[in-house]
C-alpha atoms as a PDB file:
ATOM      1  CA  MET A   1       4.204  16.991 -22.823  1.00  0.00           C
ATOM      2  CA  SER A   2       0.738  16.910 -24.316  1.00  0.00           C
ATOM      3  CA  VAL A   3      -1.940  19.423 -23.416  1.00  0.00           C
ATOM      4  CA  GLU A   4      -4.077  16.514 -22.179  1.00  0.00           C
ATOM      5  CA  GLN A   5      -1.353  15.372 -19.770  1.00  0.00           C
ATOM      6  CA  GLN A   6      -0.873  18.946 -18.549  1.00  0.00           C
ATOM      7  CA  ALA A   7      -4.640  19.261 -17.970  1.00  0.00           C
ATOM      8  CA  LYS A   8      -4.641  16.052 -15.896  1.00  0.00           C
ATOM      9  CA  ILE A   9      -1.758  17.344 -13.770  1.00  0.00           C
ATOM     10  CA  PHE A  10      -3.298  20.752 -13.183  1.00  0.00           C
ATOM     11  CA  SER A  11      -6.692  19.193 -12.504  1.00  0.00           C
ATOM     12  CA  ALA A  12      -5.079  17.046  -9.799  1.00  0.00           C
ATOM     13  CA  LEU A  13      -3.440  20.144  -8.322  1.00  0.00           C
ATOM     14  CA  SER A  14      -6.675  22.160  -8.372  1.00  0.00           C
ATOM     15  CA  ASP A  15      -7.905  20.599  -5.131  1.00  0.00           C
ATOM     16  CA  PRO A  16      -6.642  22.347  -1.957  1.00  0.00           C
ATOM     17  CA  THR A  17      -6.032  19.055  -0.128  1.00  0.00           C
ATOM     18  CA  ARG A  18      -3.991  17.592  -2.980  1.00  0.00           C
ATOM     19  CA  LEU A  19      -2.052  20.820  -3.294  1.00  0.00           C
ATOM     20  CA  ARG A  20      -1.225  20.640   0.435  1.00  0.00           C
ATOM     21  CA  ILE A  21      -0.030  17.043  -0.048  1.00  0.00           C
ATOM     22  CA  VAL A  22       2.276  18.116  -2.874  1.00  0.00           C
ATOM     23  CA  GLN A  23       3.530  21.096  -0.852  1.00  0.00           C
ATOM     24  CA  ALA A  24       4.225  18.867   2.170  1.00  0.00           C
ATOM     25  CA  LEU A  25       6.202  16.434   0.029  1.00  0.00           C
ATOM     26  CA  GLN A  26       8.085  19.260  -1.624  1.00  0.00           C
ATOM     27  CA  ALA A  27       9.004  20.839   1.711  1.00  0.00           C
ATOM     28  CA  ALA A  28      10.065  17.520   3.242  1.00  0.00           C
ATOM     29  CA  GLU A  29      12.403  16.685   0.364  1.00  0.00           C
ATOM     30  CA  LYS A  30      12.018  12.993   1.262  1.00  0.00           C
ATOM     31  CA  GLU A  31       9.505  10.189   1.137  1.00  0.00           C
ATOM     32  CA  MET A  32       6.722  10.482   3.668  1.00  0.00           C
ATOM     33  CA  THR A  33       4.386   7.932   5.207  1.00  0.00           C
ATOM     34  CA  GLY A  34       0.623   8.302   5.005  1.00  0.00           C
ATOM     35  CA  SER A  35       0.507   9.182   8.705  1.00  0.00           C
ATOM     36  CA  GLU A  36       3.095  11.923   8.222  1.00  0.00           C
ATOM     37  CA  LEU A  37       1.153  13.355   5.290  1.00  0.00           C
ATOM     38  CA  VAL A  38      -2.137  13.287   7.196  1.00  0.00           C
ATOM     39  CA  GLU A  39      -0.477  15.349   9.920  1.00  0.00           C
ATOM     40  CA  LYS A  40       1.526  17.732   7.693  1.00  0.00           C
ATOM     41  CA  ALA A  41      -1.250  18.376   5.168  1.00  0.00           C
ATOM     42  CA  GLY A  42      -4.014  18.640   7.766  1.00  0.00           C
ATOM     43  CA  ILE A  43      -6.098  15.800   6.326  1.00  0.00           C
ATOM     44  CA  SER A  44      -8.878  14.322   8.456  1.00  0.00           C
ATOM     45  CA  GLY A  45      -7.810  10.690   8.029  1.00  0.00           C
ATOM     46  CA  LEU A  46      -6.082   7.986   6.035  1.00  0.00           C
ATOM     47  CA  ALA A  47      -9.220   7.106   4.035  1.00  0.00           C
ATOM     48  CA  LEU A  48      -9.390  10.642   2.642  1.00  0.00           C
ATOM     49  CA  LEU A  49      -5.640  10.595   1.983  1.00  0.00           C
ATOM     50  CA  CYS A  50      -6.023   7.398  -0.077  1.00  0.00           C
ATOM     51  CA  HIS A  51      -8.635   9.086  -2.278  1.00  0.00           C
ATOM     52  CA  HIS A  52      -6.317  12.032  -2.976  1.00  0.00           C
ATOM     53  CA  TRP A  53      -3.256   9.785  -3.403  1.00  0.00           C
ATOM     54  CA  LYS A  54      -5.009   7.918  -6.196  1.00  0.00           C
ATOM     55  CA  ILE A  55      -5.687  11.081  -8.181  1.00  0.00           C
ATOM     56  CA  LEU A  56      -2.147  12.401  -7.711  1.00  0.00           C
ATOM     57  CA  GLU A  57      -0.701   9.014  -8.667  1.00  0.00           C
ATOM     58  CA  GLU A  58      -2.857   8.786 -11.813  1.00  0.00           C
ATOM     59  CA  ALA A  59      -1.553  12.216 -12.852  1.00  0.00           C
ATOM     60  CA  GLY A  60       2.016  10.971 -12.328  1.00  0.00           C
ATOM     61  CA  LEU A  61       2.773  13.503  -9.597  1.00  0.00           C
ATOM     62  CA  ILE A  62       3.489  10.968  -6.850  1.00  0.00           C
ATOM     63  CA  SER A  63       4.590   7.394  -6.509  1.00  0.00           C
ATOM     64  CA  LYS A  64       4.003   5.059  -3.601  1.00  0.00           C
ATOM     65  CA  LYS A  65       5.792   1.996  -2.300  1.00  0.00           C
ATOM     66  CA  ARG A  66       5.147  -0.275   0.630  1.00  0.00           C
ATOM     67  CA  GLU A  67       7.801  -0.585   3.295  1.00  0.00           C
ATOM     68  CA  GLY A  68       6.755  -2.956   6.049  1.00  0.00           C
ATOM     69  CA  GLN A  69       3.408  -1.782   7.404  1.00  0.00           C
ATOM     70  CA  SER A  70       3.830   1.716   5.952  1.00  0.00           C
ATOM     71  CA  MET A  71       3.130   3.160   2.544  1.00  0.00           C
ATOM     72  CA  LEU A  72       5.795   5.652   1.496  1.00  0.00           C
ATOM     73  CA  CYS A  73       4.942   8.443  -0.907  1.00  0.00           C
ATOM     74  CA  SER A  74       7.375  10.468  -2.983  1.00  0.00           C
ATOM     75  CA  LEU A  75       6.913  13.463  -5.240  1.00  0.00           C
ATOM     76  CA  ASN A  76       7.784  13.328  -8.936  1.00  0.00           C
ATOM     77  CA  ARG A  77       9.644  16.640  -8.834  1.00  0.00           C
ATOM     78  CA  GLU A  78      10.772  16.417 -12.446  1.00  0.00           C
ATOM     79  CA  LEU A  79       7.202  16.128 -13.728  1.00  0.00           C
ATOM     80  CA  LEU A  80       6.004  18.938 -11.472  1.00  0.00           C
ATOM     81  CA  ASP A  81       8.871  21.213 -12.560  1.00  0.00           C
ATOM     82  CA  HIS A  82       8.355  20.331 -16.223  1.00  0.00           C
ATOM     83  CA  SER A  83       4.614  21.046 -15.963  1.00  0.00           C
ATOM     84  CA  MET A  84       5.261  24.457 -14.453  1.00  0.00           C
ATOM     85  CA  HIS A  85       7.900  25.195 -17.090  1.00  0.00           C
ATOM     86  CA  CYS A  86       5.509  24.239 -19.897  1.00  0.00           C
ATOM     87  CA  LEU A  87       2.802  26.450 -18.415  1.00  0.00           C
ATOM     88  CA  THR A  88       4.989  29.521 -18.066  1.00  0.00           C
ATOM     89  CA  ASN A  89       6.787  29.096 -21.400  1.00  0.00           C
ATOM     90  CA  SER A  90       3.919  28.153 -23.693  1.00  0.00           C
ATOM     91  CA  HIS A  91       3.147  30.296 -26.717  1.00  0.00           C
END
């Protein structure tokens, strides 16, 4: 993983709201709807969630898919784990 990609990931995680989103997805161990994430992460509304989703998605940390009227969000656990591993094992 390049240093640039790592910087993008850690930049996305540097915001408290985005970090709460990632933590909520990690704790749930399943896909979550936008409404579930708003509630679990303590976000003030879906519009704000969409802003944070975009940044997390651009960093590769989450993926979204539409299911009926809902948007489901899942965490890219492998990328998150790999990023943390690279950070703690870099020389």
